[in-house]
Amino acid sequence: MRRKDRERDEAFAWNVFDKAEYAVLATVNSDGSPYCIPLSTARIVNGTDTVIYFHCAYEGQKIDNIRRNPAVTLTCAANVRVPEGRFTTEFESCVITGRAEIVEEESEKTEGLRAICEKYTPAMMDRFEKVLQSSLSSTCIFRIIPLEVTGKELKTGTPGEQGGTSGDRD
């Protein structure tokens, strides 16, 4: 990371991931070009292991790319804002690199979907089991095994802050 003063620890990065509205998944197309798409994601922590889940259809560019090359990167941002009178953007972000795998086992698919639904539709969890029965077989679930997790933050007004443009300094 070029700006070490903005680097944050892994716990910070996971906090950003958990509160972000969505994550952007980057994969590689067959011609080597990048492909990025926003996703609804959630994670499950089991002891020292963390697994990220997302769902999709069983066909499409994203799934073709992952089948060909399971290396992926997820990015998330939270608390993004431009402070009044400033030419800079405050933010919190995380970047997670890892390996994506299709989940085949029904119990893990259910666990991953439950985590996603608890994050995005907590008020509807009383209907989860019923909807699950009608959609589980047609829903593809992926797990991402994180290999590297980094966090970054820019808050203006922090002592020693060097953000913004040269004309933006106080």
N, C-alpha and C. Protein backbone atom coordinates (compact mmCIF):
# COMPACT_ATOMS: atom_id res chain seq x y z
N MET A 1 0.85 -1.18 0.00
CA MET A 1 0.00 0.00 0.00
C MET A 1 0.89 1.23 0.00
N ARG A 2 0.64 2.12 -0.93
CA ARG A 2 1.48 3.31 -1.08
C ARG A 2 1.33 4.25 0.12
N ARG A 3 0.12 4.54 0.54
CA ARG A 3 -0.13 5.48 1.64
C ARG A 3 -0.24 4.72 2.96
N LYS A 4 0.90 4.42 3.56
CA LYS A 4 0.91 3.65 4.81
C LYS A 4 0.17 4.36 5.93
N ASP A 5 0.08 5.70 5.87
CA ASP A 5 -0.63 6.44 6.91
C ASP A 5 -2.14 6.19 6.87
N ARG A 6 -2.62 5.65 5.77
CA ARG A 6 -4.05 5.36 5.65
C ARG A 6 -4.36 3.88 5.85
N GLU A 7 -3.33 3.06 5.93
CA GLU A 7 -3.52 1.63 6.10
C GLU A 7 -4.12 1.32 7.46
N ARG A 8 -5.07 0.38 7.48
CA ARG A 8 -5.70 -0.06 8.71
C ARG A 8 -5.58 -1.57 8.82
N ASP A 9 -5.81 -2.09 10.02
CA ASP A 9 -5.59 -3.52 10.26
C ASP A 9 -6.74 -4.37 9.70
N GLU A 10 -6.56 -5.67 9.79
CA GLU A 10 -7.53 -6.62 9.24
C GLU A 10 -8.88 -6.51 9.93
N ALA A 11 -8.89 -6.27 11.23
CA ALA A 11 -10.16 -6.13 11.95
C ALA A 11 -10.95 -4.94 11.40
N PHE A 12 -10.27 -3.84 11.11
CA PHE A 12 -10.91 -2.67 10.51
C PHE A 12 -11.51 -3.06 9.15
N ALA A 13 -10.73 -3.77 8.35
CA ALA A 13 -11.18 -4.16 7.01
C ALA A 13 -12.44 -5.03 7.10
N TRP A 14 -12.47 -5.99 8.02
CA TRP A 14 -13.66 -6.84 8.16
C TRP A 14 -14.86 -6.02 8.63
N ASN A 15 -14.64 -5.03 9.47
CA ASN A 15 -15.73 -4.15 9.90
C ASN A 15 -16.32 -3.40 8.70
N VAL A 16 -15.46 -2.92 7.80
CA VAL A 16 -15.93 -2.26 6.59
C VAL A 16 -16.73 -3.25 5.74
N PHE A 17 -16.21 -4.45 5.56
CA PHE A 17 -16.92 -5.47 4.79
C PHE A 17 -18.32 -5.71 5.36
N ASP A 18 -18.40 -5.86 6.67
CA ASP A 18 -19.68 -6.18 7.31
C ASP A 18 -20.71 -5.07 7.15
N LYS A 19 -20.28 -3.82 7.16
CA LYS A 19 -21.26 -2.73 7.08
C LYS A 19 -21.47 -2.20 5.67
N ALA A 20 -20.66 -2.61 4.72
CA ALA A 20 -20.83 -2.14 3.34
C ALA A 20 -22.15 -2.66 2.75
N GLU A 21 -22.80 -1.83 1.95
CA GLU A 21 -24.06 -2.22 1.34
C GLU A 21 -23.87 -3.33 0.32
N TYR A 22 -22.74 -3.36 -0.33
CA TYR A 22 -22.44 -4.38 -1.32
C TYR A 22 -20.93 -4.45 -1.50
N ALA A 23 -20.49 -5.48 -2.19
CA ALA A 23 -19.08 -5.64 -2.53
C ALA A 23 -18.99 -5.72 -4.05
N VAL A 24 -17.86 -5.34 -4.59
CA VAL A 24 -17.62 -5.47 -6.02
C VAL A 24 -16.62 -6.60 -6.21
N LEU A 25 -17.03 -7.60 -7.00
CA LEU A 25 -16.20 -8.78 -7.28
C LEU A 25 -15.47 -8.56 -8.59
N ALA A 26 -14.17 -8.79 -8.57
CA ALA A 26 -13.36 -8.73 -9.79
C ALA A 26 -12.91 -10.14 -10.16
N THR A 27 -13.14 -10.48 -11.43
CA THR A 27 -12.68 -11.75 -12.00
C THR A 27 -11.95 -11.43 -13.29
N VAL A 28 -11.44 -12.47 -13.95
CA VAL A 28 -10.69 -12.27 -15.19
C VAL A 28 -11.42 -12.98 -16.34
N ASN A 29 -11.70 -12.23 -17.41
CA ASN A 29 -12.31 -12.79 -18.61
C ASN A 29 -11.33 -13.70 -19.34
N SER A 30 -11.83 -14.49 -20.27
CA SER A 30 -10.97 -15.43 -21.01
C SER A 30 -9.89 -14.72 -21.83
N ASP A 31 -10.12 -13.46 -22.22
CA ASP A 31 -9.12 -12.71 -22.98
C ASP A 31 -8.14 -11.96 -22.07
N GLY A 32 -8.28 -12.16 -20.74
CA GLY A 32 -7.38 -11.51 -19.79
C GLY A 32 -7.86 -10.16 -19.29
N SER A 33 -8.96 -9.67 -19.83
CA SER A 33 -9.49 -8.38 -19.39
C SER A 33 -10.25 -8.56 -18.07
N PRO A 34 -10.36 -7.48 -17.28
CA PRO A 34 -11.07 -7.58 -16.00
C PRO A 34 -12.58 -7.55 -16.19
N TYR A 35 -13.26 -8.17 -15.24
CA TYR A 35 -14.72 -8.13 -15.18
C TYR A 35 -15.09 -7.90 -13.72
N CYS A 36 -15.85 -6.85 -13.46
CA CYS A 36 -16.25 -6.51 -12.09
C CYS A 36 -17.76 -6.39 -12.02
N ILE A 37 -18.32 -6.86 -10.90
CA ILE A 37 -19.77 -6.82 -10.74
C ILE A 37 -20.11 -6.69 -9.25
N PRO A 38 -21.10 -5.84 -8.91
CA PRO A 38 -21.49 -5.72 -7.51
C PRO A 38 -22.28 -6.95 -7.05
N LEU A 39 -22.09 -7.30 -5.78
CA LEU A 39 -22.72 -8.48 -5.19
C LEU A 39 -23.24 -8.17 -3.79
N SER A 40 -24.22 -8.95 -3.38
CA SER A 40 -24.63 -9.00 -1.98
C SER A 40 -23.81 -10.12 -1.35
N THR A 41 -23.06 -9.79 -0.32
CA THR A 41 -22.15 -10.75 0.30
C THR A 41 -22.37 -10.80 1.80
N ALA A 42 -21.96 -11.89 2.39
CA ALA A 42 -21.96 -12.03 3.84
C ALA A 42 -20.84 -12.98 4.21
N ARG A 43 -20.44 -12.93 5.46
CA ARG A 43 -19.37 -13.83 5.89
C ARG A 43 -19.79 -14.59 7.13
N ILE A 44 -19.17 -15.75 7.27
CA ILE A 44 -19.35 -16.58 8.46
C ILE A 44 -17.96 -16.82 9.05
N VAL A 45 -17.86 -16.57 10.34
CA VAL A 45 -16.61 -16.79 11.05
C VAL A 45 -16.78 -18.04 11.90
N ASN A 46 -15.85 -18.98 11.74
CA ASN A 46 -15.87 -20.21 12.50
C ASN A 46 -14.48 -20.38 13.11
N GLY A 47 -14.34 -19.97 14.35
CA GLY A 47 -13.02 -20.00 14.99
C GLY A 47 -12.12 -18.97 14.34
N THR A 48 -11.02 -19.44 13.78
CA THR A 48 -10.09 -18.52 13.11
C THR A 48 -10.34 -18.45 11.61
N ASP A 49 -11.29 -19.24 11.11
CA ASP A 49 -11.59 -19.26 9.67
C ASP A 49 -12.76 -18.34 9.35
N THR A 50 -12.60 -17.59 8.26
CA THR A 50 -13.67 -16.74 7.75
C THR A 50 -13.95 -17.15 6.31
N VAL A 51 -15.23 -17.31 5.99
CA VAL A 51 -15.65 -17.64 4.63
C VAL A 51 -16.68 -16.62 4.20
N ILE A 52 -16.54 -16.12 2.98
CA ILE A 52 -17.47 -15.16 2.39
C ILE A 52 -18.38 -15.92 1.43
N TYR A 53 -19.65 -15.54 1.43
CA TYR A 53 -20.62 -16.18 0.53
C TYR A 53 -21.30 -15.14 -0.35
N PHE A 54 -21.62 -15.56 -1.58
CA PHE A 54 -22.51 -14.80 -2.45
C PHE A 54 -23.30 -15.79 -3.28
N HIS A 55 -24.40 -15.32 -3.85
CA HIS A 55 -25.25 -16.19 -4.66
C HIS A 55 -25.37 -15.63 -6.07
N CYS A 56 -25.73 -16.50 -7.00
CA CYS A 56 -25.91 -16.09 -8.39
C CYS A 56 -26.63 -17.20 -9.14
N ALA A 57 -26.82 -16.98 -10.42
CA ALA A 57 -27.39 -18.02 -11.28
C ALA A 57 -26.29 -19.03 -11.60
N TYR A 58 -26.69 -20.17 -12.14
CA TYR A 58 -25.73 -21.20 -12.49
C TYR A 58 -25.07 -20.97 -13.84
N GLU A 59 -25.36 -19.88 -14.50
CA GLU A 59 -24.68 -19.57 -15.75
C GLU A 59 -24.50 -18.07 -15.87
N GLY A 60 -23.49 -17.68 -16.63
CA GLY A 60 -23.21 -16.26 -16.84
C GLY A 60 -21.71 -16.00 -16.84
N GLN A 61 -21.36 -14.78 -17.16
CA GLN A 61 -19.95 -14.40 -17.30
C GLN A 61 -19.17 -14.58 -16.00
N LYS A 62 -19.74 -14.17 -14.88
CA LYS A 62 -19.05 -14.28 -13.59
C LYS A 62 -18.69 -15.73 -13.28
N ILE A 63 -19.67 -16.62 -13.41
CA ILE A 63 -19.44 -18.03 -13.09
C ILE A 63 -18.48 -18.68 -14.10
N ASP A 64 -18.57 -18.29 -15.38
CA ASP A 64 -17.62 -18.80 -16.38
C ASP A 64 -16.20 -18.39 -16.02
N ASN A 65 -16.03 -17.14 -15.63
CA ASN A 65 -14.71 -16.65 -15.27
C ASN A 65 -14.14 -17.39 -14.06
N ILE A 66 -14.97 -17.60 -13.04
CA ILE A 66 -14.51 -18.28 -11.83
C ILE A 66 -14.18 -19.74 -12.11
N ARG A 67 -14.96 -20.39 -12.94
CA ARG A 67 -14.66 -21.78 -13.29
C ARG A 67 -13.30 -21.89 -13.99
N ARG A 68 -12.98 -20.90 -14.80
CA ARG A 68 -11.73 -20.90 -15.54
C ARG A 68 -10.54 -20.47 -14.64
N ASN A 69 -10.81 -19.50 -13.73
CA ASN A 69 -9.76 -18.97 -12.87
C ASN A 69 -10.40 -18.54 -11.56
N PRO A 70 -10.21 -19.32 -10.49
CA PRO A 70 -10.90 -19.03 -9.24
C PRO A 70 -10.32 -17.88 -8.42
N ALA A 71 -9.25 -17.25 -8.89
CA ALA A 71 -8.68 -16.10 -8.18
C ALA A 71 -9.61 -14.91 -8.34
N VAL A 72 -10.00 -14.31 -7.21
CA VAL A 72 -10.93 -13.18 -7.22
C VAL A 72 -10.45 -12.10 -6.25
N THR A 73 -10.99 -10.90 -6.45
CA THR A 73 -10.79 -9.81 -5.51
C THR A 73 -12.14 -9.17 -5.25
N LEU A 74 -12.40 -8.88 -3.97
CA LEU A 74 -13.59 -8.15 -3.56
C LEU A 74 -13.15 -6.80 -3.01
N THR A 75 -13.89 -5.76 -3.33
CA THR A 75 -13.65 -4.45 -2.72
C THR A 75 -14.96 -3.95 -2.14
N CYS A 76 -14.85 -3.23 -1.03
CA CYS A 76 -16.00 -2.62 -0.37
C CYS A 76 -15.61 -1.23 0.11
N ALA A 77 -16.59 -0.35 0.17
CA ALA A 77 -16.37 0.98 0.74
C ALA A 77 -17.55 1.31 1.64
N ALA A 78 -17.27 2.07 2.68
CA ALA A 78 -18.31 2.49 3.61
C ALA A 78 -17.99 3.90 4.09
N ASN A 79 -18.98 4.55 4.63
CA ASN A 79 -18.82 5.90 5.17
C ASN A 79 -18.12 6.84 4.19
N VAL A 80 -18.58 6.80 2.95
CA VAL A 80 -18.00 7.64 1.91
C VAL A 80 -18.72 8.99 1.91
N ARG A 81 -17.95 10.06 1.98
CA ARG A 81 -18.55 11.40 1.93
C ARG A 81 -17.52 12.44 1.55
N VAL A 82 -17.99 13.52 0.95
CA VAL A 82 -17.15 14.66 0.64
C VAL A 82 -17.48 15.72 1.69
N PRO A 83 -16.50 16.06 2.55
CA PRO A 83 -16.76 17.07 3.57
C PRO A 83 -17.04 18.43 2.93
N GLU A 84 -17.95 19.17 3.53
CA GLU A 84 -18.30 20.48 3.01
C GLU A 84 -17.07 21.37 2.88
N GLY A 85 -16.94 22.00 1.73
CA GLY A 85 -15.84 22.93 1.50
C GLY A 85 -14.51 22.28 1.20
N ARG A 86 -14.49 20.98 0.96
CA ARG A 86 -13.23 20.26 0.71
C ARG A 86 -13.25 19.62 -0.67
N PHE A 87 -12.09 19.41 -1.24
CA PHE A 87 -11.95 18.71 -2.51
C PHE A 87 -11.28 17.36 -2.26
N THR A 88 -11.86 16.61 -1.37
CA THR A 88 -11.36 15.27 -1.06
C THR A 88 -12.53 14.41 -0.63
N THR A 89 -12.34 13.14 -0.61
CA THR A 89 -13.39 12.22 -0.21
C THR A 89 -12.93 11.41 0.99
N GLU A 90 -13.72 11.44 2.05
CA GLU A 90 -13.47 10.58 3.19
C GLU A 90 -14.04 9.20 2.87
N PHE A 91 -13.38 8.15 3.37
CA PHE A 91 -13.87 6.80 3.09
C PHE A 91 -13.23 5.82 4.03
N GLU A 92 -13.84 4.64 4.08
CA GLU A 92 -13.26 3.44 4.67
C GLU A 92 -13.37 2.39 3.59
N SER A 93 -12.34 1.58 3.41
CA SER A 93 -12.41 0.56 2.36
C SER A 93 -11.68 -0.70 2.79
N CYS A 94 -12.03 -1.77 2.10
CA CYS A 94 -11.30 -3.02 2.28
C CYS A 94 -11.14 -3.68 0.93
N VAL A 95 -10.07 -4.42 0.81
CA VAL A 95 -9.79 -5.22 -0.38
C VAL A 95 -9.48 -6.63 0.11
N ILE A 96 -10.19 -7.59 -0.46
CA ILE A 96 -10.02 -8.99 -0.06
C ILE A 96 -9.68 -9.80 -1.30
N THR A 97 -8.54 -10.43 -1.30
CA THR A 97 -8.20 -11.33 -2.40
C THR A 97 -8.39 -12.76 -1.89
N GLY A 98 -8.82 -13.61 -2.80
CA GLY A 98 -9.06 -14.98 -2.37
C GLY A 98 -9.34 -15.90 -3.53
N ARG A 99 -9.88 -17.05 -3.17
CA ARG A 99 -10.19 -18.11 -4.13
C ARG A 99 -11.68 -18.44 -4.00
N ALA A 100 -12.40 -18.40 -5.13
CA ALA A 100 -13.83 -18.68 -5.13
C ALA A 100 -14.09 -20.13 -5.52
N GLU A 101 -15.07 -20.72 -4.85
CA GLU A 101 -15.44 -22.12 -5.10
C GLU A 101 -16.95 -22.26 -5.05
N ILE A 102 -17.50 -23.05 -5.95
CA ILE A 102 -18.93 -23.35 -5.90
C ILE A 102 -19.20 -24.25 -4.70
N VAL A 103 -20.24 -23.93 -3.95
CA VAL A 103 -20.65 -24.75 -2.81
C VAL A 103 -21.63 -25.81 -3.33
N GLU A 104 -21.30 -27.06 -3.10
CA GLU A 104 -22.14 -28.17 -3.57
C GLU A 104 -23.03 -28.73 -2.46
N GLU A 105 -22.51 -28.77 -1.25
CA GLU A 105 -23.23 -29.39 -0.13
C GLU A 105 -24.43 -28.54 0.29
N GLU A 106 -25.60 -29.16 0.36
CA GLU A 106 -26.84 -28.46 0.66
C GLU A 106 -26.79 -27.72 1.99
N SER A 107 -26.21 -28.32 3.00
CA SER A 107 -26.17 -27.66 4.33
C SER A 107 -25.33 -26.39 4.29
N GLU A 108 -24.21 -26.40 3.56
CA GLU A 108 -23.40 -25.20 3.46
C GLU A 108 -24.07 -24.15 2.58
N LYS A 109 -24.75 -24.59 1.52
CA LYS A 109 -25.51 -23.64 0.70
C LYS A 109 -26.54 -22.92 1.56
N THR A 110 -27.25 -23.68 2.40
CA THR A 110 -28.26 -23.10 3.28
C THR A 110 -27.61 -22.12 4.25
N GLU A 111 -26.48 -22.52 4.82
CA GLU A 111 -25.78 -21.66 5.77
C GLU A 111 -25.35 -20.34 5.11
N GLY A 112 -24.82 -20.42 3.89
CA GLY A 112 -24.40 -19.22 3.17
C GLY A 112 -25.57 -18.31 2.83
N LEU A 113 -26.66 -18.91 2.33
CA LEU A 113 -27.85 -18.12 2.02
C LEU A 113 -28.45 -17.48 3.27
N ARG A 114 -28.45 -18.23 4.36
CA ARG A 114 -28.97 -17.69 5.62
C ARG A 114 -28.15 -16.46 6.04
N ALA A 115 -26.85 -16.53 5.94
CA ALA A 115 -26.00 -15.40 6.32
C ALA A 115 -26.29 -14.18 5.45
N ILE A 116 -26.47 -14.39 4.15
CA ILE A 116 -26.79 -13.29 3.24
C ILE A 116 -28.14 -12.69 3.60
N CYS A 117 -29.13 -13.53 3.81
CA CYS A 117 -30.47 -13.04 4.14
C CYS A 117 -30.51 -12.34 5.49
N GLU A 118 -29.78 -12.85 6.46
CA GLU A 118 -29.74 -12.19 7.77
C GLU A 118 -29.12 -10.80 7.65
N LYS A 119 -28.19 -10.61 6.75
CA LYS A 119 -27.56 -9.30 6.56
C LYS A 119 -28.49 -8.34 5.82
N TYR A 120 -29.15 -8.80 4.77
CA TYR A 120 -29.91 -7.91 3.90
C TYR A 120 -31.41 -7.87 4.16
N THR A 121 -31.98 -8.93 4.71
CA THR A 121 -33.43 -8.97 4.95
C THR A 121 -33.75 -9.55 6.33
N PRO A 122 -33.18 -8.98 7.39
CA PRO A 122 -33.37 -9.58 8.72
C PRO A 122 -34.83 -9.61 9.17
N ALA A 123 -35.65 -8.67 8.73
CA ALA A 123 -37.04 -8.63 9.16
C ALA A 123 -37.89 -9.72 8.49
N MET A 124 -37.32 -10.41 7.51
CA MET A 124 -38.08 -11.44 6.79
C MET A 124 -37.61 -12.86 7.08
N MET A 125 -36.77 -13.04 8.07
CA MET A 125 -36.19 -14.35 8.33
C MET A 125 -37.23 -15.39 8.77
N ASP A 126 -38.40 -14.95 9.22
CA ASP A 126 -39.44 -15.91 9.57
C ASP A 126 -39.94 -16.67 8.34
N ARG A 127 -39.68 -16.15 7.14
CA ARG A 127 -40.09 -16.80 5.89
C ARG A 127 -38.93 -17.52 5.20
N PHE A 128 -37.77 -17.47 5.78
CA PHE A 128 -36.57 -18.00 5.13
C PHE A 128 -36.71 -19.47 4.75
N GLU A 129 -37.12 -20.32 5.67
CA GLU A 129 -37.18 -21.77 5.41
C GLU A 129 -38.14 -22.08 4.25
N LYS A 130 -39.27 -21.41 4.21
CA LYS A 130 -40.24 -21.66 3.15
C LYS A 130 -39.68 -21.27 1.79
N VAL A 131 -39.09 -20.10 1.70
CA VAL A 131 -38.53 -19.63 0.43
C VAL A 131 -37.32 -20.49 0.04
N LEU A 132 -36.55 -20.90 1.02
CA LEU A 132 -35.38 -21.73 0.77
C LEU A 132 -35.77 -23.02 0.04
N GLN A 133 -36.84 -23.65 0.48
CA GLN A 133 -37.26 -24.93 -0.12
C GLN A 133 -37.58 -24.80 -1.60
N SER A 134 -38.10 -23.65 -2.00
CA SER A 134 -38.47 -23.47 -3.41
C SER A 134 -37.34 -22.93 -4.27
N SER A 135 -36.26 -22.46 -3.66
CA SER A 135 -35.21 -21.81 -4.46
C SER A 135 -33.82 -22.41 -4.32
N LEU A 136 -33.60 -23.26 -3.35
CA LEU A 136 -32.25 -23.76 -3.10
C LEU A 136 -31.64 -24.47 -4.30
N SER A 137 -32.41 -25.30 -4.96
CA SER A 137 -31.86 -26.08 -6.07
C SER A 137 -31.51 -25.22 -7.29
N SER A 138 -32.14 -24.07 -7.43
CA SER A 138 -31.87 -23.22 -8.59
C SER A 138 -30.92 -22.07 -8.27
N THR A 139 -30.40 -22.02 -7.05
CA THR A 139 -29.50 -20.94 -6.63
C THR A 139 -28.09 -21.46 -6.49
N CYS A 140 -27.17 -20.82 -7.17
CA CYS A 140 -25.75 -21.17 -7.06
C CYS A 140 -25.15 -20.34 -5.93
N ILE A 141 -24.45 -21.00 -5.05
CA ILE A 141 -23.78 -20.34 -3.93
C ILE A 141 -22.28 -20.53 -4.09
N PHE A 142 -21.54 -19.44 -3.93
CA PHE A 142 -20.09 -19.50 -3.94
C PHE A 142 -19.56 -19.17 -2.56
N ARG A 143 -18.46 -19.80 -2.22
CA ARG A 143 -17.69 -19.40 -1.05
C ARG A 143 -16.41 -18.76 -1.57
N ILE A 144 -15.95 -17.75 -0.86
CA ILE A 144 -14.64 -17.18 -1.13
C ILE A 144 -13.78 -17.43 0.10
N ILE A 145 -12.66 -18.07 -0.13
CA ILE A 145 -11.68 -18.29 0.93
C ILE A 145 -10.71 -17.11 0.87
N PRO A 146 -10.74 -16.22 1.87
CA PRO A 146 -9.87 -15.06 1.84
C PRO A 146 -8.40 -15.45 2.02
N LEU A 147 -7.54 -14.87 1.20
CA LEU A 147 -6.10 -15.10 1.30
C LEU A 147 -5.36 -13.87 1.81
N GLU A 148 -5.89 -12.69 1.50
CA GLU A 148 -5.32 -11.43 1.99
C GLU A 148 -6.44 -10.44 2.20
N VAL A 149 -6.40 -9.72 3.33
CA VAL A 149 -7.43 -8.75 3.69
C VAL A 149 -6.73 -7.47 4.12
N THR A 150 -7.03 -6.37 3.42
CA THR A 150 -6.42 -5.08 3.77
C THR A 150 -7.49 -4.02 3.95
N GLY A 151 -7.20 -3.04 4.79
CA GLY A 151 -8.12 -1.94 5.03
C GLY A 151 -7.42 -0.62 4.84
N LYS A 152 -8.22 0.39 4.52
CA LYS A 152 -7.69 1.73 4.28
C LYS A 152 -8.74 2.73 4.72
N GLU A 153 -8.28 3.90 5.22
CA GLU A 153 -9.22 4.93 5.68
C GLU A 153 -8.64 6.30 5.43
N LEU A 154 -9.51 7.22 5.02
CA LEU A 154 -9.15 8.63 4.93
C LEU A 154 -10.21 9.42 5.66
N LYS A 155 -9.80 10.11 6.68
CA LYS A 155 -10.67 11.04 7.40
C LYS A 155 -9.95 12.38 7.40
N THR A 156 -10.61 13.43 6.96
CA THR A 156 -9.98 14.75 6.96
C THR A 156 -9.94 15.31 8.37
N GLY A 157 -9.05 16.22 8.58
CA GLY A 157 -8.94 16.82 9.90
C GLY A 157 -8.10 16.00 10.85
N THR A 158 -7.59 14.86 10.39
CA THR A 158 -6.73 14.04 11.22
C THR A 158 -5.35 14.68 11.27
N PRO A 159 -4.71 14.78 12.43
CA PRO A 159 -3.37 15.37 12.48
C PRO A 159 -2.44 14.70 11.48
N GLY A 160 -1.74 15.52 10.70
CA GLY A 160 -0.81 14.99 9.71
C GLY A 160 -1.48 14.57 8.42
N GLU A 161 -2.81 14.74 8.30
CA GLU A 161 -3.53 14.32 7.08
C GLU A 161 -3.01 15.07 5.86
N GLN A 162 -2.77 14.33 4.81
CA GLN A 162 -2.27 14.91 3.57
C GLN A 162 -3.21 14.67 2.41
N GLY A 163 -4.49 14.45 2.69
CA GLY A 163 -5.45 14.15 1.63
C GLY A 163 -5.87 15.36 0.84
N GLY A 164 -6.64 15.13 -0.21
CA GLY A 164 -7.19 16.22 -1.00
C GLY A 164 -6.21 16.74 -2.01
N THR A 165 -6.54 17.88 -2.61
CA THR A 165 -5.65 18.52 -3.58
C THR A 165 -4.80 19.55 -2.90
N SER A 166 -3.77 20.03 -3.58
CA SER A 166 -2.86 20.99 -2.94
C SER A 166 -3.58 22.27 -2.52
N GLY A 167 -4.65 22.63 -3.19
CA GLY A 167 -5.42 23.81 -2.82
C GLY A 167 -6.41 23.54 -1.71
N ASP A 168 -6.45 22.32 -1.21
CA ASP A 168 -7.44 21.92 -0.22
C ASP A 168 -6.89 21.92 1.19
N ARG A 169 -5.65 22.27 1.36
CA ARG A 169 -5.03 22.23 2.69
C ARG A 169 -5.50 23.42 3.55
N ASP A 170 -5.71 23.17 4.82
CA ASP A 170 -6.10 24.25 5.75
C ASP A 170 -4.89 25.02 6.21
